[in-house]
Amino acid sequence: MSSPAILDEIWGVISDRKEHPVEGSYTTAILTHRKGIDKVLEKVGEEATEFILAVKNKEPQAIAGEAADLLFHTLLALKAAGVDPNAVYAELESRRKP
C-alpha cells in the first residue's frame, strides 16, 4: 500500500493499542509511558529535528524515513491529546483555495 490510506490504517492500529494495550508494542509503550503526553511530545520533537537535518543534508532516503517517523509520532500525539486526524484533514481542507 503506497497511498495516504496508510495513515488511516496506522491510526487504526494506534487506536487499538490505546484501547487494548499489547505488551512489547512500541506504540503501547509510548502511549502508556510514565511521563504521559510529555513522552509523546519528546518523540515528536526528536523526529522533527531528525527530519530537519535530513532535509538540510539532502539525504532523500533519510528524508522519507524521518518524515514517516514524524508523521507516526504526530499521530501518537493526536491520540494522546484526544484529537482525531479527521479534524486535521478538515482544517487542511478549509485552507485549500479553489
PDB file of N, CA and C in Angstrom:
ATOM      1  N   MET A   1       0.860  -1.177   0.000  1.00  0.00           N
ATOM      2  CA  MET A   1       0.000   0.000   0.000  1.00  0.00           C
ATOM      3  C   MET A   1       0.899   1.231   0.000  1.00  0.00           C
ATOM      4  N   SER A   2       0.758   2.023  -1.006  1.00  0.00           N
ATOM      5  CA  SER A   2       1.583   3.218  -1.113  1.00  0.00           C
ATOM      6  C   SER A   2       0.690   4.418  -1.398  1.00  0.00           C
ATOM      7  N   SER A   3      -0.118   4.758  -0.403  1.00  0.00           N
ATOM      8  CA  SER A   3      -1.049   5.868  -0.577  1.00  0.00           C
ATOM      9  C   SER A   3      -1.367   6.485   0.782  1.00  0.00           C
ATOM     10  N   PRO A   4      -2.057   7.624   0.757  1.00  0.00           N
ATOM     11  CA  PRO A   4      -2.424   8.255   2.036  1.00  0.00           C
ATOM     12  C   PRO A   4      -3.313   7.365   2.917  1.00  0.00           C
ATOM     13  N   ALA A   5      -3.917   6.328   2.346  1.00  0.00           N
ATOM     14  CA  ALA A   5      -4.757   5.425   3.143  1.00  0.00           C
ATOM     15  C   ALA A   5      -3.968   4.757   4.264  1.00  0.00           C
ATOM     16  N   ILE A   6      -2.656   4.671   4.107  1.00  0.00           N
ATOM     17  CA  ILE A   6      -1.832   4.067   5.149  1.00  0.00           C
ATOM     18  C   ILE A   6      -1.963   4.838   6.464  1.00  0.00           C
ATOM     19  N   LEU A   7      -2.198   6.153   6.381  1.00  0.00           N
ATOM     20  CA  LEU A   7      -2.368   6.949   7.604  1.00  0.00           C
ATOM     21  C   LEU A   7      -3.602   6.485   8.378  1.00  0.00           C
ATOM     22  N   ASP A   8      -4.674   6.167   7.658  1.00  0.00           N
ATOM     23  CA  ASP A   8      -5.877   5.660   8.318  1.00  0.00           C
ATOM     24  C   ASP A   8      -5.619   4.294   8.952  1.00  0.00           C
ATOM     25  N   GLU A   9      -4.862   3.461   8.248  1.00  0.00           N
ATOM     26  CA  GLU A   9      -4.534   2.142   8.787  1.00  0.00           C
ATOM     27  C   GLU A   9      -3.699   2.275  10.062  1.00  0.00           C
ATOM     28  N   ILE A  10      -2.697   3.140  10.021  1.00  0.00           N
ATOM     29  CA  ILE A  10      -1.849   3.351  11.196  1.00  0.00           C
ATOM     30  C   ILE A  10      -2.669   3.933  12.344  1.00  0.00           C
ATOM     31  N   TRP A  11      -3.570   4.871  12.035  1.00  0.00           N
ATOM     32  CA  TRP A  11      -4.440   5.437  13.070  1.00  0.00           C
ATOM     33  C   TRP A  11      -5.257   4.329  13.731  1.00  0.00           C
ATOM     34  N   GLY A  12      -5.733   3.388  12.923  1.00  0.00           N
ATOM     35  CA  GLY A  12      -6.486   2.263  13.474  1.00  0.00           C
ATOM     36  C   GLY A  12      -5.659   1.443  14.442  1.00  0.00           C
ATOM     37  N   VAL A  13      -4.406   1.201  14.103  1.00  0.00           N
ATOM     38  CA  VAL A  13      -3.516   0.440  14.988  1.00  0.00           C
ATOM     39  C   VAL A  13      -3.262   1.226  16.271  1.00  0.00           C
ATOM     40  N   ILE A  14      -2.984   2.513  16.135  1.00  0.00           N
ATOM     41  CA  ILE A  14      -2.744   3.351  17.316  1.00  0.00           C
ATOM     42  C   ILE A  14      -3.972   3.344  18.224  1.00  0.00           C
ATOM     43  N   SER A  15      -5.139   3.494  17.638  1.00  0.00           N
ATOM     44  CA  SER A  15      -6.383   3.496  18.416  1.00  0.00           C
ATOM     45  C   SER A  15      -6.591   2.163  19.122  1.00  0.00           C
ATOM     46  N   ASP A  16      -6.297   1.071  18.417  1.00  0.00           N
ATOM     47  CA  ASP A  16      -6.444  -0.253  19.014  1.00  0.00           C
ATOM     48  C   ASP A  16      -5.474  -0.449  20.172  1.00  0.00           C
ATOM     49  N   ARG A  17      -4.237   0.010  19.994  1.00  0.00           N
ATOM     50  CA  ARG A  17      -3.241  -0.128  21.067  1.00  0.00           C
ATOM     51  C   ARG A  17      -3.627   0.708  22.288  1.00  0.00           C
ATOM     52  N   LYS A  18      -4.257   1.847  22.047  1.00  0.00           N
ATOM     53  CA  LYS A  18      -4.711   2.690  23.156  1.00  0.00           C
ATOM     54  C   LYS A  18      -5.803   1.978  23.949  1.00  0.00           C
ATOM     55  N   GLU A  19      -6.729   1.351  23.227  1.00  0.00           N
ATOM     56  CA  GLU A  19      -7.849   0.658  23.866  1.00  0.00           C
ATOM     57  C   GLU A  19      -7.469  -0.722  24.396  1.00  0.00           C
ATOM     58  N   HIS A  20      -6.553  -1.390  23.702  1.00  0.00           N
ATOM     59  CA  HIS A  20      -6.146  -2.749  24.052  1.00  0.00           C
ATOM     60  C   HIS A  20      -4.617  -2.833  24.046  1.00  0.00           C
ATOM     61  N   PRO A  21      -3.979  -2.342  25.117  1.00  0.00           N
ATOM     62  CA  PRO A  21      -2.510  -2.347  25.164  1.00  0.00           C
ATOM     63  C   PRO A  21      -1.933  -3.745  24.914  1.00  0.00           C
ATOM     64  N   VAL A  22      -0.838  -3.783  24.170  1.00  0.00           N
ATOM     65  CA  VAL A  22      -0.155  -5.026  23.852  1.00  0.00           C
ATOM     66  C   VAL A  22       1.253  -4.960  24.420  1.00  0.00           C
ATOM     67  N   GLU A  23       1.578  -5.917  25.275  1.00  0.00           N
ATOM     68  CA  GLU A  23       2.908  -5.951  25.865  1.00  0.00           C
ATOM     69  C   GLU A  23       3.951  -6.104  24.768  1.00  0.00           C
ATOM     70  N   GLY A  24       5.014  -5.311  24.849  1.00  0.00           N
ATOM     71  CA  GLY A  24       6.079  -5.359  23.866  1.00  0.00           C
ATOM     72  C   GLY A  24       5.851  -4.458  22.665  1.00  0.00           C
ATOM     73  N   SER A  25       4.682  -3.822  22.593  1.00  0.00           N
ATOM     74  CA  SER A  25       4.372  -2.923  21.476  1.00  0.00           C
ATOM     75  C   SER A  25       4.987  -1.547  21.729  1.00  0.00           C
ATOM     76  N   TYR A  26       5.711  -1.032  20.736  1.00  0.00           N
ATOM     77  CA  TYR A  26       6.289   0.306  20.842  1.00  0.00           C
ATOM     78  C   TYR A  26       5.188   1.345  21.045  1.00  0.00           C
ATOM     79  N   THR A  27       4.124   1.222  20.277  1.00  0.00           N
ATOM     80  CA  THR A  27       3.012   2.176  20.373  1.00  0.00           C
ATOM     81  C   THR A  27       2.426   2.175  21.774  1.00  0.00           C
ATOM     82  N   THR A  28       2.193   1.003  22.320  1.00  0.00           N
ATOM     83  CA  THR A  28       1.672   0.899  23.685  1.00  0.00           C
ATOM     84  C   THR A  28       2.649   1.514  24.678  1.00  0.00           C
ATOM     85  N   ALA A  29       3.934   1.236  24.505  1.00  0.00           N
ATOM     86  CA  ALA A  29       4.949   1.758  25.432  1.00  0.00           C
ATOM     87  C   ALA A  29       4.959   3.283  25.452  1.00  0.00           C
ATOM     88  N   ILE A  30       4.842   3.897  24.282  1.00  0.00           N
ATOM     89  CA  ILE A  30       4.854   5.364  24.230  1.00  0.00           C
ATOM     90  C   ILE A  30       3.568   5.930  24.823  1.00  0.00           C
ATOM     91  N   LEU A  31       2.429   5.335  24.467  1.00  0.00           N
ATOM     92  CA  LEU A  31       1.137   5.863  24.935  1.00  0.00           C
ATOM     93  C   LEU A  31       0.911   5.657  26.429  1.00  0.00           C
ATOM     94  N   THR A  32       1.597   4.694  27.019  1.00  0.00           N
ATOM     95  CA  THR A  32       1.390   4.407  28.446  1.00  0.00           C
ATOM     96  C   THR A  32       2.619   4.761  29.287  1.00  0.00           C
ATOM     97  N   HIS A  33       3.541   5.474  28.710  1.00  0.00           N
ATOM     98  CA  HIS A  33       4.782   5.829  29.412  1.00  0.00           C
ATOM     99  C   HIS A  33       4.474   6.639  30.668  1.00  0.00           C
ATOM    100  N   ARG A  34       5.281   6.468  31.686  1.00  0.00           N
ATOM    101  CA  ARG A  34       5.063   7.169  32.960  1.00  0.00           C
ATOM    102  C   ARG A  34       5.082   8.685  32.805  1.00  0.00           C
ATOM    103  N   LYS A  35       5.757   9.203  31.769  1.00  0.00           N
ATOM    104  CA  LYS A  35       5.801  10.645  31.535  1.00  0.00           C
ATOM    105  C   LYS A  35       4.524  11.160  30.876  1.00  0.00           C
ATOM    106  N   GLY A  36       3.652  10.247  30.473  1.00  0.00           N
ATOM    107  CA  GLY A  36       2.401  10.650  29.829  1.00  0.00           C
ATOM    108  C   GLY A  36       2.655  11.312  28.489  1.00  0.00           C
ATOM    109  N   ILE A  37       1.872  12.339  28.211  1.00  0.00           N
ATOM    110  CA  ILE A  37       1.959  13.007  26.911  1.00  0.00           C
ATOM    111  C   ILE A  37       3.336  13.637  26.682  1.00  0.00           C
ATOM    112  N   ASP A  38       4.056  13.941  27.742  1.00  0.00           N
ATOM    113  CA  ASP A  38       5.394  14.511  27.583  1.00  0.00           C
ATOM    114  C   ASP A  38       6.306  13.573  26.790  1.00  0.00           C
ATOM    115  N   LYS A  39       6.168  12.269  27.005  1.00  0.00           N
ATOM    116  CA  LYS A  39       6.999  11.307  26.275  1.00  0.00           C
ATOM    117  C   LYS A  39       6.684  11.368  24.786  1.00  0.00           C
ATOM    118  N   VAL A  40       5.407  11.418  24.457  1.00  0.00           N
ATOM    119  CA  VAL A  40       5.000  11.511  23.053  1.00  0.00           C
ATOM    120  C   VAL A  40       5.559  12.783  22.434  1.00  0.00           C
ATOM    121  N   LEU A  41       5.448  13.878  23.149  1.00  0.00           N
ATOM    122  CA  LEU A  41       5.919  15.160  22.623  1.00  0.00           C
ATOM    123  C   LEU A  41       7.432  15.196  22.478  1.00  0.00           C
ATOM    124  N   GLU A  42       8.149  14.545  23.387  1.00  0.00           N
ATOM    125  CA  GLU A  42       9.603  14.427  23.238  1.00  0.00           C
ATOM    126  C   GLU A  42       9.936  13.730  21.926  1.00  0.00           C
ATOM    127  N   LYS A  43       9.197  12.668  21.620  1.00  0.00           N
ATOM    128  CA  LYS A  43       9.442  11.929  20.386  1.00  0.00           C
ATOM    129  C   LYS A  43       9.118  12.778  19.159  1.00  0.00           C
ATOM    130  N   VAL A  44       8.050  13.559  19.209  1.00  0.00           N
ATOM    131  CA  VAL A  44       7.717  14.444  18.088  1.00  0.00           C
ATOM    132  C   VAL A  44       8.860  15.432  17.869  1.00  0.00           C
ATOM    133  N   GLY A  45       9.359  16.017  18.931  1.00  0.00           N
ATOM    134  CA  GLY A  45      10.469  16.962  18.825  1.00  0.00           C
ATOM    135  C   GLY A  45      11.727  16.311  18.277  1.00  0.00           C
ATOM    136  N   GLU A  46      12.035  15.136  18.758  1.00  0.00           N
ATOM    137  CA  GLU A  46      13.216  14.401  18.290  1.00  0.00           C
ATOM    138  C   GLU A  46      13.093  14.096  16.793  1.00  0.00           C
ATOM    139  N   GLU A  47      11.927  13.603  16.395  1.00  0.00           N
ATOM    140  CA  GLU A  47      11.741  13.248  14.989  1.00  0.00           C
ATOM    141  C   GLU A  47      11.722  14.483  14.094  1.00  0.00           C
ATOM    142  N   ALA A  48      11.177  15.586  14.582  1.00  0.00           N
ATOM    143  CA  ALA A  48      11.179  16.832  13.802  1.00  0.00           C
ATOM    144  C   ALA A  48      12.615  17.294  13.554  1.00  0.00           C
ATOM    145  N   THR A  49      13.442  17.218  14.581  1.00  0.00           N
ATOM    146  CA  THR A  49      14.845  17.609  14.445  1.00  0.00           C
ATOM    147  C   THR A  49      15.563  16.708  13.443  1.00  0.00           C
ATOM    148  N   GLU A  50      15.327  15.399  13.531  1.00  0.00           N
ATOM    149  CA  GLU A  50      15.975  14.470  12.611  1.00  0.00           C
ATOM    150  C   GLU A  50      15.496  14.702  11.180  1.00  0.00           C
ATOM    151  N   PHE A  51      14.242  15.046  11.005  1.00  0.00           N
ATOM    152  CA  PHE A  51      13.709  15.359   9.676  1.00  0.00           C
ATOM    153  C   PHE A  51      14.384  16.607   9.115  1.00  0.00           C
ATOM    154  N   ILE A  52      14.469  17.629   9.926  1.00  0.00           N
ATOM    155  CA  ILE A  52      15.108  18.879   9.501  1.00  0.00           C
ATOM    156  C   ILE A  52      16.547  18.619   9.058  1.00  0.00           C
ATOM    157  N   LEU A  53      17.283  17.848   9.837  1.00  0.00           N
ATOM    158  CA  LEU A  53      18.679  17.560   9.498  1.00  0.00           C
ATOM    159  C   LEU A  53      18.795  16.749   8.211  1.00  0.00           C
ATOM    160  N   ALA A  54      17.886  15.801   8.009  1.00  0.00           N
ATOM    161  CA  ALA A  54      17.912  15.001   6.781  1.00  0.00           C
ATOM    162  C   ALA A  54      17.659  15.877   5.560  1.00  0.00           C
ATOM    163  N   VAL A  55      16.696  16.807   5.679  1.00  0.00           N
ATOM    164  CA  VAL A  55      16.418  17.723   4.562  1.00  0.00           C
ATOM    165  C   VAL A  55      17.619  18.624   4.326  1.00  0.00           C
ATOM    166  N   LYS A  56      18.160  19.173   5.390  1.00  0.00           N
ATOM    167  CA  LYS A  56      19.322  20.060   5.282  1.00  0.00           C
ATOM    168  C   LYS A  56      20.488  19.361   4.595  1.00  0.00           C
ATOM    169  N   ASN A  57      20.665  18.077   4.923  1.00  0.00           N
ATOM    170  CA  ASN A  57      21.783  17.315   4.366  1.00  0.00           C
ATOM    171  C   ASN A  57      21.464  16.674   3.016  1.00  0.00           C
ATOM    172  N   LYS A  58      20.278  16.940   2.512  1.00  0.00           N
ATOM    173  CA  LYS A  58      19.858  16.459   1.181  1.00  0.00           C
ATOM    174  C   LYS A  58      20.025  14.954   1.043  1.00  0.00           C
ATOM    175  N   GLU A  59      19.461  14.219   2.015  1.00  0.00           N
ATOM    176  CA  GLU A  59      19.534  12.757   2.018  1.00  0.00           C
ATOM    177  C   GLU A  59      18.143  12.195   1.762  1.00  0.00           C
ATOM    178  N   PRO A  60      17.778  11.958   0.487  1.00  0.00           N
ATOM    179  CA  PRO A  60      16.409  11.549   0.152  1.00  0.00           C
ATOM    180  C   PRO A  60      15.872  10.356   0.931  1.00  0.00           C
ATOM    181  N   GLN A  61      16.669   9.306   1.103  1.00  0.00           N
ATOM    182  CA  GLN A  61      16.195   8.133   1.837  1.00  0.00           C
ATOM    183  C   GLN A  61      15.943   8.481   3.303  1.00  0.00           C
ATOM    184  N   ALA A  62      16.848   9.235   3.893  1.00  0.00           N
ATOM    185  CA  ALA A  62      16.685   9.652   5.284  1.00  0.00           C
ATOM    186  C   ALA A  62      15.497  10.601   5.428  1.00  0.00           C
ATOM    187  N   ILE A  63      15.300  11.462   4.442  1.00  0.00           N
ATOM    188  CA  ILE A  63      14.158  12.388   4.487  1.00  0.00           C
ATOM    189  C   ILE A  63      12.855  11.603   4.557  1.00  0.00           C
ATOM    190  N   ALA A  64      12.703  10.610   3.689  1.00  0.00           N
ATOM    191  CA  ALA A  64      11.481   9.796   3.687  1.00  0.00           C
ATOM    192  C   ALA A  64      11.307   9.064   5.019  1.00  0.00           C
ATOM    193  N   GLY A  65      12.380   8.495   5.518  1.00  0.00           N
ATOM    194  CA  GLY A  65      12.301   7.767   6.787  1.00  0.00           C
ATOM    195  C   GLY A  65      11.961   8.667   7.958  1.00  0.00           C
ATOM    196  N   GLU A  66      12.594   9.811   8.017  1.00  0.00           N
ATOM    197  CA  GLU A  66      12.337  10.735   9.127  1.00  0.00           C
ATOM    198  C   GLU A  66      10.948  11.366   9.009  1.00  0.00           C
ATOM    199  N   ALA A  67      10.503  11.620   7.778  1.00  0.00           N
ATOM    200  CA  ALA A  67       9.143  12.137   7.594  1.00  0.00           C
ATOM    201  C   ALA A  67       8.122  11.105   8.080  1.00  0.00           C
ATOM    202  N   ALA A  68       8.376   9.832   7.782  1.00  0.00           N
ATOM    203  CA  ALA A  68       7.490   8.764   8.255  1.00  0.00           C
ATOM    204  C   ALA A  68       7.476   8.718   9.785  1.00  0.00           C
ATOM    205  N   ASP A  69       8.652   8.820  10.393  1.00  0.00           N
ATOM    206  CA  ASP A  69       8.735   8.827  11.863  1.00  0.00           C
ATOM    207  C   ASP A  69       7.980  10.013  12.442  1.00  0.00           C
ATOM    208  N   LEU A  70       8.133  11.172  11.820  1.00  0.00           N
ATOM    209  CA  LEU A  70       7.460  12.380  12.304  1.00  0.00           C
ATOM    210  C   LEU A  70       5.943  12.252  12.178  1.00  0.00           C
ATOM    211  N   LEU A  71       5.474  11.743  11.046  1.00  0.00           N
ATOM    212  CA  LEU A  71       4.024  11.551  10.876  1.00  0.00           C
ATOM    213  C   LEU A  71       3.479  10.551  11.900  1.00  0.00           C
ATOM    214  N   PHE A  72       4.193   9.455  12.098  1.00  0.00           N
ATOM    215  CA  PHE A  72       3.759   8.447  13.065  1.00  0.00           C
ATOM    216  C   PHE A  72       3.661   9.031  14.466  1.00  0.00           C
ATOM    217  N   HIS A  73       4.699   9.739  14.884  1.00  0.00           N
ATOM    218  CA  HIS A  73       4.699  10.294  16.237  1.00  0.00           C
ATOM    219  C   HIS A  73       3.697  11.443  16.377  1.00  0.00           C
ATOM    220  N   THR A  74       3.426  12.144  15.289  1.00  0.00           N
ATOM    221  CA  THR A  74       2.379  13.167  15.313  1.00  0.00           C
ATOM    222  C   THR A  74       1.015  12.506  15.516  1.00  0.00           C
ATOM    223  N   LEU A  75       0.793  11.378  14.854  1.00  0.00           N
ATOM    224  CA  LEU A  75      -0.459  10.635  15.072  1.00  0.00           C
ATOM    225  C   LEU A  75      -0.563  10.167  16.526  1.00  0.00           C
ATOM    226  N   LEU A  76       0.551   9.704  17.093  1.00  0.00           N
ATOM    227  CA  LEU A  76       0.546   9.316  18.515  1.00  0.00           C
ATOM    228  C   LEU A  76       0.181  10.511  19.398  1.00  0.00           C
ATOM    229  N   ALA A  77       0.728  11.682  19.083  1.00  0.00           N
ATOM    230  CA  ALA A  77       0.419  12.882  19.870  1.00  0.00           C
ATOM    231  C   ALA A  77      -1.049  13.256  19.739  1.00  0.00           C
ATOM    232  N   LEU A  78      -1.589  13.126  18.531  1.00  0.00           N
ATOM    233  CA  LEU A  78      -3.023  13.406  18.353  1.00  0.00           C
ATOM    234  C   LEU A  78      -3.855  12.466  19.215  1.00  0.00           C
ATOM    235  N   LYS A  79      -3.503  11.184  19.211  1.00  0.00           N
ATOM    236  CA  LYS A  79      -4.248  10.208  20.030  1.00  0.00           C
ATOM    237  C   LYS A  79      -4.120  10.556  21.504  1.00  0.00           C
ATOM    238  N   ALA A  80      -2.924  10.872  21.953  1.00  0.00           N
ATOM    239  CA  ALA A  80      -2.701  11.211  23.361  1.00  0.00           C
ATOM    240  C   ALA A  80      -3.480  12.464  23.756  1.00  0.00           C
ATOM    241  N   ALA A  81      -3.666  13.368  22.801  1.00  0.00           N
ATOM    242  CA  ALA A  81      -4.386  14.618  23.070  1.00  0.00           C
ATOM    243  C   ALA A  81      -5.890  14.485  22.849  1.00  0.00           C
ATOM    244  N   GLY A  82      -6.318  13.323  22.355  1.00  0.00           N
ATOM    245  CA  GLY A  82      -7.749  13.107  22.129  1.00  0.00           C
ATOM    246  C   GLY A  82      -8.288  13.826  20.897  1.00  0.00           C
ATOM    247  N   VAL A  83      -7.424  14.040  19.905  1.00  0.00           N
ATOM    248  CA  VAL A  83      -7.837  14.730  18.675  1.00  0.00           C
ATOM    249  C   VAL A  83      -7.794  13.734  17.519  1.00  0.00           C
ATOM    250  N   ASP A  84      -8.894  13.628  16.798  1.00  0.00           N
ATOM    251  CA  ASP A  84      -8.977  12.726  15.656  1.00  0.00           C
ATOM    252  C   ASP A  84      -8.286  13.366  14.453  1.00  0.00           C
ATOM    253  N   PRO A  85      -7.549  12.583  13.665  1.00  0.00           N
ATOM    254  CA  PRO A  85      -6.890  13.162  12.495  1.00  0.00           C
ATOM    255  C   PRO A  85      -7.870  13.779  11.498  1.00  0.00           C
ATOM    256  N   ASN A  86      -9.118  13.346  11.524  1.00  0.00           N
ATOM    257  CA  ASN A  86     -10.108  13.950  10.620  1.00  0.00           C
ATOM    258  C   ASN A  86     -10.258  15.442  10.881  1.00  0.00           C
ATOM    259  N   ALA A  87     -10.029  15.875  12.118  1.00  0.00           N
ATOM    260  CA  ALA A  87     -10.068  17.303  12.429  1.00  0.00           C
ATOM    261  C   ALA A  87      -8.918  18.025  11.723  1.00  0.00           C
ATOM    262  N   VAL A  88      -7.783  17.359  11.628  1.00  0.00           N
ATOM    263  CA  VAL A  88      -6.626  17.934  10.925  1.00  0.00           C
ATOM    264  C   VAL A  88      -6.916  17.982   9.429  1.00  0.00           C
ATOM    265  N   TYR A  89      -7.460  16.889   8.906  1.00  0.00           N
ATOM    266  CA  TYR A  89      -7.791  16.854   7.472  1.00  0.00           C
ATOM    267  C   TYR A  89      -8.801  17.943   7.130  1.00  0.00           C
ATOM    268  N   ALA A  90      -9.797  18.125   7.995  1.00  0.00           N
ATOM    269  CA  ALA A  90     -10.808  19.159   7.759  1.00  0.00           C
ATOM    270  C   ALA A  90     -10.172  20.549   7.787  1.00  0.00           C
ATOM    271  N   GLU A  91      -9.241  20.746   8.711  1.00  0.00           N
ATOM    272  CA  GLU A  91      -8.545  22.034   8.778  1.00  0.00           C
ATOM    273  C   GLU A  91      -7.739  22.284   7.506  1.00  0.00           C
ATOM    274  N   LEU A  92      -7.038  21.269   7.051  1.00  0.00           N
ATOM    275  CA  LEU A  92      -6.277  21.409   5.806  1.00  0.00           C
ATOM    276  C   LEU A  92      -7.207  21.710   4.632  1.00  0.00           C
ATOM    277  N   GLU A  93      -8.319  21.013   4.595  1.00  0.00           N
ATOM    278  CA  GLU A  93      -9.294  21.238   3.525  1.00  0.00           C
ATOM    279  C   GLU A  93      -9.825  22.661   3.549  1.00  0.00           C
ATOM    280  N   SER A  94     -10.078  23.189   4.762  1.00  0.00           N
ATOM    281  CA  SER A  94     -10.621  24.546   4.877  1.00  0.00           C
ATOM    282  C   SER A  94      -9.612  25.596   4.399  1.00  0.00           C
ATOM    283  N   ARG A  95      -8.339  25.244   4.407  1.00  0.00           N
ATOM    284  CA  ARG A  95      -7.294  26.181   3.971  1.00  0.00           C
ATOM    285  C   ARG A  95      -7.033  26.098   2.471  1.00  0.00           C
ATOM    286  N   ARG A  96      -7.599  25.104   1.846  1.00  0.00           N
ATOM    287  CA  ARG A  96      -7.378  24.894   0.404  1.00  0.00           C
ATOM    288  C   ARG A  96      -8.138  25.935  -0.391  1.00  0.00           C
ATOM    289  N   LYS A  97      -7.416  26.620  -1.219  1.00  0.00           N
ATOM    290  CA  LYS A  97      -8.037  27.636  -2.059  1.00  0.00           C
ATOM    291  C   LYS A  97      -8.391  27.011  -3.392  1.00  0.00           C
ATOM    292  N   PRO A  98      -9.617  27.239  -3.846  1.00  0.00           N
ATOM    293  CA  PRO A  98     -10.048  26.625  -5.123  1.00  0.00           C
ATOM    294  C   PRO A  98      -9.269  27.140  -6.324  1.00  0.00           C
TER     295      PRO A  98
END
